[in-house]
Amino acid sequence: MIYLVRQGETDWNLFKRANGVTDTFLNITGIAQATLQADNLRNVDFDVCFCSPLTRVRQTCEIIYKGPIVFDDRLDEINLGEFEGVDETDAEIWKLAMQAIMSGDKGTESWKEFMKRNCDFCDMIMEDHKGENVLIVTTAGNVRVIEYYFKGKPRDYDFQKTTVIKNGELLTFEN
């Protein structure tokens, strides 16, 4: 079984600032979310644990899991380039950010590259860890792509408006 956890809340999440690869820290709520998830998963015997090296994700993971952790850069959030830290509620700025991501302009990572690295990661999980209990702790964008990989992208899904799971929450998939 694959256990996919989105990192706990940061102040940037709380204040709706776009947080790609900028290294932010969990806030009090994020620590509480990770602690609740640790309690939720306490009886699961994980064979392997993968985590983004971003601090907010690492903090979440280290609260949940006390064993060895494999840090994998493919689990980092998409690089938002010039749009790191912008107000996510500003529709005009966010529209420009999404346009840049589609092509990789303005210092952003392209959507295609982001999808590829996440799918490469999922391919590795399915090849090397089939049938194992795998814990993956990562960010919102990665959670979306990993969910697409295992469940398929819903027809009416809008990446800009929909969050698959909230901070600190869990999805599971058969592997």
N, C-alpha and C. Protein backbone atom coordinates (compact mmCIF):
# COMPACT_ATOMS: atom_id res chain seq x y z
N MET A 1 0.85 -1.17 0.00
CA MET A 1 0.00 0.00 0.00
C MET A 1 0.89 1.24 0.00
N ILE A 2 0.48 2.22 -0.74
CA ILE A 2 1.17 3.51 -0.76
C ILE A 2 0.40 4.47 0.13
N TYR A 3 1.11 5.10 1.05
CA TYR A 3 0.55 6.10 1.96
C TYR A 3 1.17 7.44 1.56
N LEU A 4 0.36 8.32 1.02
CA LEU A 4 0.83 9.61 0.50
C LEU A 4 0.34 10.72 1.42
N VAL A 5 1.26 11.46 2.01
CA VAL A 5 0.93 12.52 2.95
C VAL A 5 1.40 13.86 2.38
N ARG A 6 0.50 14.84 2.43
CA ARG A 6 0.89 16.21 2.10
C ARG A 6 1.48 16.85 3.35
N GLN A 7 2.52 17.64 3.18
CA GLN A 7 3.18 18.25 4.32
C GLN A 7 2.21 19.12 5.12
N GLY A 8 2.54 19.31 6.40
CA GLY A 8 1.73 20.15 7.27
C GLY A 8 1.79 21.62 6.87
N GLU A 9 0.92 22.39 7.49
CA GLU A 9 0.77 23.81 7.16
C GLU A 9 1.99 24.64 7.53
N THR A 10 2.29 25.61 6.65
CA THR A 10 3.30 26.64 6.91
C THR A 10 2.57 27.99 6.97
N ASP A 11 3.28 29.01 7.40
CA ASP A 11 2.67 30.35 7.37
C ASP A 11 2.36 30.77 5.94
N TRP A 12 3.17 30.33 4.99
CA TRP A 12 2.88 30.67 3.59
C TRP A 12 1.57 30.03 3.14
N ASN A 13 1.30 28.79 3.57
CA ASN A 13 0.00 28.19 3.27
C ASN A 13 -1.12 29.00 3.92
N LEU A 14 -0.93 29.34 5.17
CA LEU A 14 -1.94 30.06 5.94
C LEU A 14 -2.29 31.40 5.29
N PHE A 15 -1.27 32.11 4.81
CA PHE A 15 -1.49 33.43 4.24
C PHE A 15 -1.60 33.42 2.72
N LYS A 16 -1.78 32.22 2.14
CA LYS A 16 -2.04 32.04 0.69
C LYS A 16 -0.92 32.59 -0.18
N ARG A 17 0.32 32.33 0.24
CA ARG A 17 1.48 32.70 -0.56
C ARG A 17 1.93 31.46 -1.34
N ALA A 18 2.19 31.63 -2.62
CA ALA A 18 2.61 30.52 -3.47
C ALA A 18 3.96 29.99 -2.99
N ASN A 19 3.98 28.74 -2.58
CA ASN A 19 5.18 28.14 -2.01
C ASN A 19 5.64 26.97 -2.85
N GLY A 20 6.56 27.25 -3.76
CA GLY A 20 7.16 26.21 -4.57
C GLY A 20 8.35 25.63 -3.83
N VAL A 21 9.55 26.01 -4.28
CA VAL A 21 10.77 25.45 -3.69
C VAL A 21 11.38 26.34 -2.61
N THR A 22 10.74 27.47 -2.30
CA THR A 22 11.24 28.29 -1.20
C THR A 22 11.17 27.46 0.08
N ASP A 23 12.25 27.45 0.84
CA ASP A 23 12.33 26.57 2.01
C ASP A 23 11.66 27.23 3.22
N THR A 24 10.45 26.82 3.50
CA THR A 24 9.69 27.34 4.64
C THR A 24 9.54 26.26 5.71
N PHE A 25 9.06 26.65 6.87
CA PHE A 25 8.97 25.76 8.02
C PHE A 25 7.52 25.55 8.43
N LEU A 26 7.24 24.41 9.05
CA LEU A 26 5.90 24.17 9.59
C LEU A 26 5.59 25.20 10.66
N ASN A 27 4.32 25.61 10.71
CA ASN A 27 3.87 26.43 11.83
C ASN A 27 3.26 25.51 12.88
N ILE A 28 2.68 26.08 13.93
CA ILE A 28 2.11 25.29 15.04
C ILE A 28 1.04 24.33 14.51
N THR A 29 0.19 24.82 13.62
CA THR A 29 -0.86 23.98 13.05
C THR A 29 -0.26 22.84 12.25
N GLY A 30 0.78 23.12 11.47
CA GLY A 30 1.44 22.09 10.68
C GLY A 30 2.05 21.00 11.54
N ILE A 31 2.64 21.39 12.66
CA ILE A 31 3.20 20.41 13.59
C ILE A 31 2.08 19.55 14.17
N ALA A 32 0.96 20.17 14.52
CA ALA A 32 -0.19 19.42 15.05
C ALA A 32 -0.75 18.47 13.99
N GLN A 33 -0.83 18.90 12.73
CA GLN A 33 -1.32 18.04 11.65
C GLN A 33 -0.42 16.82 11.48
N ALA A 34 0.88 17.04 11.50
CA ALA A 34 1.82 15.92 11.36
C ALA A 34 1.72 14.97 12.55
N THR A 35 1.54 15.52 13.73
CA THR A 35 1.40 14.69 14.93
C THR A 35 0.14 13.83 14.86
N LEU A 36 -0.96 14.41 14.37
CA LEU A 36 -2.20 13.63 14.18
C LEU A 36 -2.00 12.52 13.16
N GLN A 37 -1.28 12.81 12.08
CA GLN A 37 -1.04 11.79 11.06
C GLN A 37 -0.12 10.70 11.61
N ALA A 38 0.84 11.07 12.44
CA ALA A 38 1.71 10.08 13.08
C ALA A 38 0.88 9.11 13.91
N ASP A 39 -0.08 9.65 14.65
CA ASP A 39 -0.96 8.80 15.46
C ASP A 39 -1.82 7.91 14.56
N ASN A 40 -2.32 8.47 13.48
CA ASN A 40 -3.15 7.73 12.53
C ASN A 40 -2.39 6.56 11.90
N LEU A 41 -1.08 6.74 11.66
CA LEU A 41 -0.28 5.72 10.97
C LEU A 41 0.59 4.89 11.92
N ARG A 42 0.39 5.03 13.20
CA ARG A 42 1.27 4.40 14.19
C ARG A 42 1.35 2.88 14.08
N ASN A 43 0.30 2.24 13.56
CA ASN A 43 0.28 0.78 13.48
C ASN A 43 0.69 0.24 12.11
N VAL A 44 1.11 1.13 11.22
CA VAL A 44 1.54 0.69 9.89
C VAL A 44 3.04 0.40 9.94
N ASP A 45 3.41 -0.76 9.44
CA ASP A 45 4.82 -1.15 9.37
C ASP A 45 5.33 -0.81 7.98
N PHE A 46 6.01 0.32 7.84
CA PHE A 46 6.48 0.77 6.54
C PHE A 46 7.75 0.03 6.14
N ASP A 47 7.80 -0.36 4.87
CA ASP A 47 9.00 -0.99 4.31
C ASP A 47 10.01 0.06 3.88
N VAL A 48 9.51 1.22 3.44
CA VAL A 48 10.38 2.29 2.97
C VAL A 48 9.64 3.62 3.08
N CYS A 49 10.39 4.68 3.26
CA CYS A 49 9.82 6.02 3.37
C CYS A 49 10.59 6.96 2.46
N PHE A 50 9.85 7.69 1.61
CA PHE A 50 10.42 8.68 0.71
C PHE A 50 9.90 10.06 1.09
N CYS A 51 10.76 11.07 0.94
CA CYS A 51 10.40 12.41 1.36
C CYS A 51 11.15 13.44 0.53
N SER A 52 10.49 14.55 0.25
CA SER A 52 11.16 15.69 -0.35
C SER A 52 12.16 16.24 0.67
N PRO A 53 13.32 16.73 0.20
CA PRO A 53 14.26 17.35 1.13
C PRO A 53 13.88 18.75 1.59
N LEU A 54 12.78 19.33 1.07
CA LEU A 54 12.34 20.64 1.54
C LEU A 54 12.05 20.58 3.03
N THR A 55 12.44 21.60 3.77
CA THR A 55 12.35 21.58 5.23
C THR A 55 10.93 21.30 5.73
N ARG A 56 9.92 21.96 5.17
CA ARG A 56 8.55 21.76 5.65
C ARG A 56 8.09 20.31 5.48
N VAL A 57 8.57 19.67 4.43
CA VAL A 57 8.20 18.28 4.17
C VAL A 57 9.00 17.36 5.08
N ARG A 58 10.28 17.62 5.19
CA ARG A 58 11.14 16.83 6.08
C ARG A 58 10.63 16.88 7.52
N GLN A 59 10.24 18.09 7.99
CA GLN A 59 9.71 18.21 9.35
C GLN A 59 8.47 17.33 9.52
N THR A 60 7.58 17.38 8.56
CA THR A 60 6.36 16.56 8.62
C THR A 60 6.73 15.09 8.69
N CYS A 61 7.60 14.68 7.80
CA CYS A 61 8.00 13.27 7.72
C CYS A 61 8.64 12.80 9.03
N GLU A 62 9.53 13.60 9.57
CA GLU A 62 10.24 13.20 10.78
C GLU A 62 9.33 13.12 12.00
N ILE A 63 8.22 13.82 11.99
CA ILE A 63 7.23 13.69 13.07
C ILE A 63 6.46 12.38 12.89
N ILE A 64 6.14 12.05 11.65
CA ILE A 64 5.33 10.86 11.36
C ILE A 64 6.12 9.57 11.48
N TYR A 65 7.34 9.58 10.97
CA TYR A 65 8.10 8.34 10.79
C TYR A 65 9.46 8.43 11.46
N LYS A 66 9.80 7.44 12.27
CA LYS A 66 11.06 7.46 13.04
C LYS A 66 12.15 6.58 12.45
N GLY A 67 11.89 5.95 11.31
CA GLY A 67 12.89 5.08 10.68
C GLY A 67 13.72 5.83 9.66
N PRO A 68 14.50 5.08 8.86
CA PRO A 68 15.32 5.71 7.83
C PRO A 68 14.45 6.33 6.73
N ILE A 69 14.88 7.48 6.25
CA ILE A 69 14.12 8.24 5.24
C ILE A 69 15.00 8.39 4.01
N VAL A 70 14.41 8.14 2.84
CA VAL A 70 15.09 8.38 1.57
C VAL A 70 14.62 9.73 1.06
N PHE A 71 15.54 10.70 1.01
CA PHE A 71 15.20 12.03 0.50
C PHE A 71 15.37 12.01 -1.02
N ASP A 72 14.33 12.43 -1.73
CA ASP A 72 14.33 12.36 -3.19
C ASP A 72 13.89 13.70 -3.76
N ASP A 73 14.77 14.34 -4.52
CA ASP A 73 14.48 15.65 -5.11
C ASP A 73 13.28 15.64 -6.04
N ARG A 74 12.93 14.49 -6.57
CA ARG A 74 11.76 14.42 -7.45
C ARG A 74 10.48 14.76 -6.71
N LEU A 75 10.52 14.70 -5.37
CA LEU A 75 9.35 15.02 -4.55
C LEU A 75 9.28 16.48 -4.14
N ASP A 76 10.22 17.30 -4.63
CA ASP A 76 10.14 18.75 -4.38
C ASP A 76 8.97 19.35 -5.15
N GLU A 77 8.41 20.40 -4.60
CA GLU A 77 7.33 21.13 -5.27
C GLU A 77 7.86 21.74 -6.56
N ILE A 78 6.97 22.13 -7.44
CA ILE A 78 7.36 22.78 -8.68
C ILE A 78 8.03 24.12 -8.37
N ASN A 79 9.07 24.45 -9.14
CA ASN A 79 9.77 25.72 -8.96
C ASN A 79 8.93 26.82 -9.60
N LEU A 80 8.48 27.76 -8.80
CA LEU A 80 7.63 28.85 -9.29
C LEU A 80 8.42 30.07 -9.75
N GLY A 81 9.74 29.98 -9.73
CA GLY A 81 10.57 31.06 -10.25
C GLY A 81 10.20 32.41 -9.66
N GLU A 82 9.94 33.39 -10.54
CA GLU A 82 9.59 34.74 -10.10
C GLU A 82 8.28 34.80 -9.32
N PHE A 83 7.53 33.73 -9.33
CA PHE A 83 6.22 33.74 -8.68
C PHE A 83 6.24 33.12 -7.28
N GLU A 84 7.42 32.73 -6.79
CA GLU A 84 7.54 32.24 -5.42
C GLU A 84 7.08 33.34 -4.47
N GLY A 85 6.18 33.00 -3.57
CA GLY A 85 5.74 33.93 -2.54
C GLY A 85 4.63 34.89 -2.94
N VAL A 86 4.15 34.84 -4.19
CA VAL A 86 3.08 35.75 -4.59
C VAL A 86 1.76 35.36 -3.94
N ASP A 87 0.83 36.28 -3.92
CA ASP A 87 -0.50 36.06 -3.36
C ASP A 87 -1.29 35.13 -4.27
N GLU A 88 -1.60 33.94 -3.79
CA GLU A 88 -2.34 32.96 -4.59
C GLU A 88 -3.77 33.39 -4.88
N THR A 89 -4.27 34.34 -4.13
CA THR A 89 -5.66 34.78 -4.34
C THR A 89 -5.75 35.88 -5.40
N ASP A 90 -4.62 36.38 -5.88
CA ASP A 90 -4.60 37.40 -6.94
C ASP A 90 -4.72 36.70 -8.28
N ALA A 91 -5.91 36.71 -8.85
CA ALA A 91 -6.20 35.95 -10.07
C ALA A 91 -5.30 36.34 -11.24
N GLU A 92 -4.99 37.61 -11.38
CA GLU A 92 -4.15 38.06 -12.50
C GLU A 92 -2.73 37.53 -12.38
N ILE A 93 -2.16 37.65 -11.19
CA ILE A 93 -0.80 37.16 -10.98
C ILE A 93 -0.76 35.64 -11.15
N TRP A 94 -1.75 34.95 -10.60
CA TRP A 94 -1.76 33.50 -10.68
C TRP A 94 -1.93 33.03 -12.13
N LYS A 95 -2.70 33.77 -12.91
CA LYS A 95 -2.86 33.44 -14.33
C LYS A 95 -1.51 33.55 -15.04
N LEU A 96 -0.76 34.62 -14.75
CA LEU A 96 0.58 34.79 -15.34
C LEU A 96 1.52 33.67 -14.89
N ALA A 97 1.41 33.29 -13.62
CA ALA A 97 2.25 32.21 -13.10
C ALA A 97 1.96 30.89 -13.83
N MET A 98 0.69 30.59 -14.01
CA MET A 98 0.32 29.34 -14.69
C MET A 98 0.77 29.36 -16.15
N GLN A 99 0.69 30.51 -16.80
CA GLN A 99 1.19 30.61 -18.18
C GLN A 99 2.69 30.35 -18.22
N ALA A 100 3.42 30.92 -17.28
CA ALA A 100 4.87 30.73 -17.22
C ALA A 100 5.21 29.26 -16.97
N ILE A 101 4.48 28.62 -16.07
CA ILE A 101 4.73 27.21 -15.75
C ILE A 101 4.49 26.32 -16.98
N MET A 102 3.50 26.64 -17.76
CA MET A 102 3.23 25.82 -18.94
C MET A 102 4.41 25.80 -19.91
N SER A 103 5.20 26.87 -19.94
CA SER A 103 6.33 26.94 -20.87
C SER A 103 7.69 26.93 -20.18
N GLY A 104 7.71 27.05 -18.86
CA GLY A 104 8.98 27.11 -18.14
C GLY A 104 9.63 28.48 -18.18
N ASP A 105 8.83 29.53 -18.43
CA ASP A 105 9.35 30.90 -18.48
C ASP A 105 9.48 31.49 -17.07
N LYS A 106 10.19 32.62 -17.00
CA LYS A 106 10.33 33.44 -15.78
C LYS A 106 10.91 32.64 -14.60
N GLY A 107 11.84 31.74 -14.92
CA GLY A 107 12.52 30.98 -13.88
C GLY A 107 11.74 29.81 -13.33
N THR A 108 10.57 29.53 -13.90
CA THR A 108 9.76 28.42 -13.41
C THR A 108 10.22 27.10 -14.02
N GLU A 109 9.86 26.03 -13.36
CA GLU A 109 10.00 24.70 -13.93
C GLU A 109 8.78 24.46 -14.81
N SER A 110 8.97 23.89 -15.96
CA SER A 110 7.82 23.66 -16.84
C SER A 110 6.94 22.55 -16.28
N TRP A 111 5.66 22.66 -16.55
CA TRP A 111 4.69 21.66 -16.10
C TRP A 111 5.09 20.28 -16.63
N LYS A 112 5.55 20.23 -17.87
CA LYS A 112 5.93 18.96 -18.48
C LYS A 112 7.08 18.31 -17.71
N GLU A 113 8.10 19.10 -17.34
CA GLU A 113 9.23 18.58 -16.57
C GLU A 113 8.78 18.11 -15.19
N PHE A 114 7.90 18.90 -14.55
CA PHE A 114 7.39 18.54 -13.23
C PHE A 114 6.62 17.21 -13.29
N MET A 115 5.75 17.07 -14.29
CA MET A 115 5.00 15.83 -14.46
C MET A 115 5.95 14.65 -14.68
N LYS A 116 6.95 14.86 -15.52
CA LYS A 116 7.87 13.77 -15.84
C LYS A 116 8.63 13.28 -14.61
N ARG A 117 9.16 14.20 -13.82
CA ARG A 117 9.94 13.74 -12.66
C ARG A 117 9.06 13.03 -11.64
N ASN A 118 7.81 13.48 -11.48
CA ASN A 118 6.91 12.80 -10.56
C ASN A 118 6.50 11.43 -11.09
N CYS A 119 6.24 11.35 -12.38
CA CYS A 119 5.88 10.05 -12.98
C CYS A 119 7.07 9.09 -12.96
N ASP A 120 8.28 9.61 -13.17
CA ASP A 120 9.48 8.77 -13.05
C ASP A 120 9.59 8.20 -11.64
N PHE A 121 9.31 9.03 -10.65
CA PHE A 121 9.32 8.58 -9.26
C PHE A 121 8.29 7.47 -9.06
N CYS A 122 7.07 7.67 -9.54
CA CYS A 122 6.01 6.67 -9.39
C CYS A 122 6.36 5.37 -10.11
N ASP A 123 6.97 5.48 -11.29
CA ASP A 123 7.42 4.28 -12.01
C ASP A 123 8.41 3.49 -11.15
N MET A 124 9.34 4.20 -10.51
CA MET A 124 10.31 3.55 -9.64
C MET A 124 9.62 2.84 -8.47
N ILE A 125 8.63 3.50 -7.88
CA ILE A 125 7.89 2.88 -6.77
C ILE A 125 7.24 1.58 -7.24
N MET A 126 6.60 1.62 -8.39
CA MET A 126 5.90 0.44 -8.89
C MET A 126 6.86 -0.67 -9.31
N GLU A 127 8.04 -0.31 -9.77
CA GLU A 127 9.03 -1.32 -10.17
C GLU A 127 9.78 -1.91 -8.98
N ASP A 128 10.17 -1.05 -8.05
CA ASP A 128 11.06 -1.49 -6.97
C ASP A 128 10.36 -1.78 -5.65
N HIS A 129 9.10 -1.34 -5.48
CA HIS A 129 8.44 -1.46 -4.18
C HIS A 129 7.02 -1.99 -4.28
N LYS A 130 6.75 -2.74 -5.33
CA LYS A 130 5.41 -3.31 -5.54
C LYS A 130 5.05 -4.20 -4.35
N GLY A 131 3.86 -4.00 -3.83
CA GLY A 131 3.37 -4.81 -2.72
C GLY A 131 3.91 -4.43 -1.35
N GLU A 132 4.74 -3.41 -1.28
CA GLU A 132 5.29 -2.97 0.00
C GLU A 132 4.47 -1.83 0.58
N ASN A 133 4.62 -1.60 1.87
CA ASN A 133 4.04 -0.42 2.51
C ASN A 133 5.03 0.73 2.34
N VAL A 134 4.63 1.71 1.52
CA VAL A 134 5.51 2.82 1.16
C VAL A 134 4.90 4.12 1.68
N LEU A 135 5.67 4.85 2.48
CA LEU A 135 5.26 6.18 2.94
C LEU A 135 5.93 7.21 2.05
N ILE A 136 5.13 8.12 1.48
CA ILE A 136 5.64 9.23 0.66
C ILE A 136 5.12 10.52 1.28
N VAL A 137 6.03 11.42 1.62
CA VAL A 137 5.65 12.72 2.18
C VAL A 137 6.16 13.78 1.22
N THR A 138 5.23 14.65 0.77
CA THR A 138 5.59 15.62 -0.26
C THR A 138 4.65 16.83 -0.18
N THR A 139 4.62 17.60 -1.26
CA THR A 139 3.87 18.85 -1.30
C THR A 139 2.60 18.71 -2.13
N ALA A 140 1.79 19.77 -2.16
CA ALA A 140 0.48 19.74 -2.82
C ALA A 140 0.57 19.41 -4.31
N GLY A 141 1.48 20.07 -5.03
CA GLY A 141 1.59 19.82 -6.47
C GLY A 141 1.95 18.38 -6.76
N ASN A 142 2.89 17.84 -6.00
CA ASN A 142 3.30 16.45 -6.19
C ASN A 142 2.16 15.50 -5.86
N VAL A 143 1.40 15.81 -4.81
CA VAL A 143 0.26 14.97 -4.45
C VAL A 143 -0.70 14.88 -5.64
N ARG A 144 -0.94 16.01 -6.31
CA ARG A 144 -1.84 16.00 -7.47
C ARG A 144 -1.34 15.05 -8.55
N VAL A 145 -0.06 15.17 -8.89
CA VAL A 145 0.49 14.36 -9.97
C VAL A 145 0.50 12.89 -9.57
N ILE A 146 0.88 12.59 -8.35
CA ILE A 146 0.92 11.19 -7.89
C ILE A 146 -0.49 10.61 -7.88
N GLU A 147 -1.47 11.40 -7.48
CA GLU A 147 -2.85 10.91 -7.53
C GLU A 147 -3.25 10.65 -8.99
N TYR A 148 -2.91 11.54 -9.91
CA TYR A 148 -3.19 11.31 -11.34
C TYR A 148 -2.58 9.98 -11.79
N TYR A 149 -1.35 9.74 -11.38
CA TYR A 149 -0.63 8.54 -11.79
C TYR A 149 -1.41 7.29 -11.39
N PHE A 150 -1.88 7.26 -10.15
CA PHE A 150 -2.53 6.06 -9.65
C PHE A 150 -4.02 5.97 -9.93
N LYS A 151 -4.70 7.11 -10.08
CA LYS A 151 -6.16 7.09 -10.25
C LYS A 151 -6.63 7.66 -11.59
N GLY A 152 -5.77 8.35 -12.30
CA GLY A 152 -6.18 9.04 -13.52
C GLY A 152 -6.70 10.43 -13.18
N LYS A 153 -6.52 11.35 -14.10
CA LYS A 153 -6.95 12.74 -13.89
C LYS A 153 -8.44 12.85 -14.17
N PRO A 154 -9.21 13.34 -13.19
CA PRO A 154 -10.65 13.53 -13.44
C PRO A 154 -10.88 14.51 -14.58
N ARG A 155 -11.90 14.27 -15.35
CA ARG A 155 -12.20 15.09 -16.52
C ARG A 155 -12.44 16.56 -16.16
N ASP A 156 -13.08 16.83 -15.05
CA ASP A 156 -13.45 18.21 -14.69
C ASP A 156 -12.46 18.86 -13.73
N TYR A 157 -11.28 18.27 -13.57
CA TYR A 157 -10.31 18.77 -12.61
C TYR A 157 -9.66 20.06 -13.09
N ASP A 158 -9.57 21.05 -12.22
CA ASP A 158 -8.91 22.32 -12.53
C ASP A 158 -7.73 22.48 -11.57
N PHE A 159 -6.52 22.28 -12.08
CA PHE A 159 -5.31 22.33 -11.26
C PHE A 159 -5.19 23.63 -10.48
N GLN A 160 -5.65 24.73 -11.06
CA GLN A 160 -5.51 26.03 -10.43
C GLN A 160 -6.48 26.24 -9.26
N LYS A 161 -7.57 25.50 -9.23
CA LYS A 161 -8.61 25.76 -8.23
C LYS A 161 -8.83 24.62 -7.25
N THR A 162 -8.29 23.45 -7.54
CA THR A 162 -8.61 22.27 -6.74
C THR A 162 -7.40 21.79 -5.97
N THR A 163 -7.58 21.51 -4.69
CA THR A 163 -6.56 20.88 -3.89
C THR A 163 -7.01 19.45 -3.63
N VAL A 164 -6.14 18.50 -3.90
CA VAL A 164 -6.50 17.10 -3.73
C VAL A 164 -6.75 16.79 -2.26
N ILE A 165 -5.81 17.16 -1.41
CA ILE A 165 -5.97 16.99 0.04
C ILE A 165 -5.39 18.22 0.73
N LYS A 166 -5.87 18.46 1.92
CA LYS A 166 -5.38 19.60 2.70
C LYS A 166 -4.06 19.25 3.37
N ASN A 167 -3.41 20.28 3.91
CA ASN A 167 -2.15 20.08 4.61
C ASN A 167 -2.29 19.00 5.67
N GLY A 168 -1.31 18.11 5.71
CA GLY A 168 -1.25 17.06 6.73
C GLY A 168 -2.15 15.88 6.48
N GLU A 169 -2.90 15.88 5.38
CA GLU A 169 -3.83 14.78 5.11
C GLU A 169 -3.16 13.65 4.33
N LEU A 170 -3.90 12.54 4.20
CA LEU A 170 -3.39 11.29 3.68
C LEU A 170 -4.26 10.75 2.55
N LEU A 171 -3.62 10.20 1.52
CA LEU A 171 -4.27 9.39 0.49
C LEU A 171 -3.59 8.03 0.49
N THR A 172 -4.33 6.99 0.10
CA THR A 172 -3.72 5.67 -0.03
C THR A 172 -4.03 5.09 -1.40
N PHE A 173 -3.09 4.30 -1.89
CA PHE A 173 -3.22 3.65 -3.20
C PHE A 173 -2.69 2.23 -3.10
N GLU A 174 -3.31 1.33 -3.82
CA GLU A 174 -2.79 -0.03 -3.94
C GLU A 174 -1.56 0.01 -4.85
N ASN A 175 -0.58 -0.79 -4.53
CA ASN A 175 0.59 -0.91 -5.40
C ASN A 175 0.91 -2.36 -5.62
